[in-house]
Amino acid sequence: MLAVAETASRIGRIRDAVRSWMQEGRVRVIQRELHPMAELPEEWKIGDDGSPAPNWVAALYRSPHWTLSCAVRFTRQARQRLKLYRVTRDQAAAIAASGALADPDARGNPRRTGAVDARTIVVVIALDNPDLIITLYERTV
């Protein structure tokens, strides 16, 4: 097990962030930061011309637009709605990352829909910060 200071230096975060992740039980975030991807198959490492192929998965992972599902932040209202609708942070983050795109809300914030326990959940994401979930609600038919 790594010490907090060593973990923080290896993933490029401050120690307080690592401590808060540990207190919140978000250990998967630390594991994903330390081991960002699985090894690529050999055939993917060589380009068509025989030269070494760029590692697009690693490049995408390091991109500022890449979002880890557990690194998503929630507003106070979103955290309250998680409890109200019995949705976990991971489930809401998964919907935000890969749910079906719905019409934007009145302020232009994107909305995504996904299923949780046979219910349709709508997640509203901040327009100017895709790592922030503003709110979520259950869509009734």
Protein backbone atom coordinates (compact mmCIF):
# COMPACT_ATOMS: atom_id res chain seq x y z
CA MET A 1 0.00 0.00 0.00
CA LEU A 2 1.34 3.42 -0.92
CA ALA A 3 1.58 6.30 1.51
CA VAL A 4 -0.64 9.32 0.84
CA ALA A 5 2.32 11.53 -0.08
CA GLU A 6 3.78 8.96 -2.48
CA THR A 7 0.41 8.33 -4.10
CA ALA A 8 -0.19 12.06 -4.51
CA SER A 9 3.18 12.57 -6.17
CA ARG A 10 2.71 9.59 -8.52
CA ILE A 11 -0.69 10.73 -9.78
CA GLY A 12 0.09 14.44 -9.78
CA ARG A 13 -2.52 15.46 -7.23
CA ILE A 14 -2.25 17.20 -3.88
CA ARG A 15 -2.23 15.15 -0.69
CA ASP A 16 -5.53 16.62 0.51
CA ALA A 17 -7.26 15.35 -2.65
CA VAL A 18 -5.93 11.83 -2.08
CA ARG A 19 -7.00 11.94 1.58
CA SER A 20 -10.52 13.08 0.65
CA TRP A 21 -10.80 10.31 -1.97
CA MET A 22 -9.82 7.77 0.69
CA GLN A 23 -12.32 9.17 3.20
CA GLU A 24 -15.09 9.12 0.56
CA GLY A 25 -14.25 5.54 -0.36
CA ARG A 26 -13.20 6.51 -3.88
CA VAL A 27 -10.23 4.17 -3.97
CA ARG A 28 -11.04 3.22 -7.58
CA VAL A 29 -10.06 6.75 -8.63
CA ILE A 30 -6.58 6.26 -7.23
CA GLN A 31 -6.28 2.82 -8.81
CA ARG A 32 -7.33 4.19 -12.20
CA GLU A 33 -4.88 7.07 -11.94
CA LEU A 34 -2.02 4.71 -11.09
CA HIS A 35 -2.99 2.10 -13.70
CA PRO A 36 -4.71 4.12 -16.42
CA MET A 37 -5.02 1.38 -18.99
CA ALA A 38 -4.42 -2.24 -19.78
CA GLU A 39 -1.55 -3.26 -22.01
CA LEU A 40 -2.33 -2.97 -25.72
CA PRO A 41 -2.34 -6.09 -27.89
CA GLU A 42 0.86 -6.56 -29.93
CA GLU A 43 -0.89 -6.01 -33.28
CA TRP A 44 -2.03 -2.56 -32.11
CA LYS A 45 1.52 -1.48 -31.26
CA ILE A 46 2.74 -1.62 -34.87
CA GLY A 47 1.37 0.59 -37.62
CA ASP A 48 0.52 -0.56 -41.16
CA ASP A 49 3.93 0.63 -42.36
CA GLY A 50 5.78 -1.28 -39.62
CA SER A 51 6.58 1.79 -37.52
CA PRO A 52 5.53 1.98 -33.85
CA ALA A 53 1.90 3.05 -33.64
CA PRO A 54 0.92 5.87 -31.28
CA ASN A 55 -0.92 4.76 -28.17
CA TRP A 56 -4.24 6.50 -28.82
CA VAL A 57 -5.83 5.09 -25.68
CA ALA A 58 -3.14 6.63 -23.48
CA ALA A 59 -3.32 9.89 -25.43
CA LEU A 60 -7.09 10.05 -24.96
CA TYR A 61 -6.75 9.20 -21.28
CA ARG A 62 -4.27 12.05 -20.78
CA SER A 63 -6.43 14.48 -22.74
CA PRO A 64 -8.02 17.28 -20.69
CA HIS A 65 -11.38 16.28 -22.20
CA TRP A 66 -11.21 12.72 -20.86
CA THR A 67 -13.36 12.19 -17.77
CA LEU A 68 -13.04 9.37 -15.29
CA SER A 69 -16.46 8.27 -14.14
CA CYS A 70 -15.43 8.51 -10.50
CA ALA A 71 -13.80 11.91 -10.91
CA VAL A 72 -17.11 13.60 -11.67
CA ARG A 73 -18.18 16.26 -9.19
CA PHE A 74 -21.73 16.74 -7.92
CA THR A 75 -23.54 19.85 -6.76
CA ARG A 76 -25.29 19.76 -3.39
CA GLN A 77 -28.64 19.33 -5.14
CA ALA A 78 -27.29 16.42 -7.19
CA ARG A 79 -25.98 14.71 -4.04
CA GLN A 80 -29.40 15.11 -2.41
CA ARG A 81 -31.11 13.70 -5.49
CA LEU A 82 -28.75 10.70 -5.46
CA LYS A 83 -30.10 9.81 -2.04
CA LEU A 84 -33.71 10.58 -2.98
CA TYR A 85 -33.70 8.34 -6.06
CA ARG A 86 -31.32 5.73 -4.58
CA VAL A 87 -28.76 6.16 -7.35
CA THR A 88 -25.05 5.67 -6.67
CA ARG A 89 -22.40 8.15 -7.76
CA ASP A 90 -20.97 5.55 -10.13
CA GLN A 91 -24.36 4.99 -11.76
CA ALA A 92 -24.93 8.74 -12.24
CA ALA A 93 -21.40 9.23 -13.58
CA ALA A 94 -21.86 6.34 -16.01
CA ILE A 95 -25.06 7.93 -17.33
CA ALA A 96 -23.28 11.28 -17.65
CA ALA A 97 -20.41 9.66 -19.54
CA SER A 98 -22.27 7.36 -21.88
CA GLY A 99 -26.01 7.82 -21.51
CA ALA A 100 -28.30 8.66 -24.40
CA LEU A 101 -28.23 12.35 -25.23
CA ALA A 102 -31.53 14.10 -24.49
CA ASP A 103 -32.66 17.62 -25.33
CA PRO A 104 -30.80 20.32 -23.37
CA ASP A 105 -32.54 22.00 -20.47
CA ALA A 106 -33.83 25.60 -20.55
CA ARG A 107 -30.33 27.00 -19.87
CA GLY A 108 -28.69 24.87 -22.57
CA ASN A 109 -27.11 22.34 -20.19
CA PRO A 110 -26.84 18.89 -21.78
CA ARG A 111 -28.96 16.10 -20.38
CA ARG A 112 -28.30 12.38 -20.64
CA THR A 113 -30.63 9.52 -19.85
CA GLY A 114 -29.93 6.03 -18.64
CA ALA A 115 -31.57 3.13 -16.84
CA VAL A 116 -31.06 2.33 -13.17
CA ASP A 117 -33.08 -0.57 -11.74
CA ALA A 118 -35.66 -0.38 -14.55
CA ARG A 119 -36.11 3.37 -13.98
CA THR A 120 -35.12 6.10 -16.42
CA ILE A 121 -32.78 8.60 -14.78
CA VAL A 122 -31.94 11.94 -16.37
CA VAL A 123 -28.60 13.56 -15.48
CA VAL A 124 -28.06 17.28 -16.14
CA ILE A 125 -24.44 18.24 -16.79
CA ALA A 126 -22.97 21.74 -16.54
CA LEU A 127 -22.51 23.27 -20.00
CA ASP A 128 -19.22 24.97 -19.13
CA ASN A 129 -17.85 22.11 -16.99
CA PRO A 130 -18.55 18.57 -18.25
CA ASP A 131 -17.13 17.13 -15.00
CA LEU A 132 -19.94 18.65 -12.93
CA ILE A 133 -23.36 17.04 -12.55
CA ILE A 134 -25.87 19.75 -11.68
CA THR A 135 -28.85 17.59 -10.85
CA LEU A 136 -30.63 14.37 -11.73
CA TYR A 137 -34.19 13.21 -11.68
CA GLU A 138 -36.37 10.24 -12.51
CA ARG A 139 -38.29 10.50 -15.75
CA THR A 140 -41.81 9.19 -15.48
CA VAL A 141 -43.75 8.03 -18.52
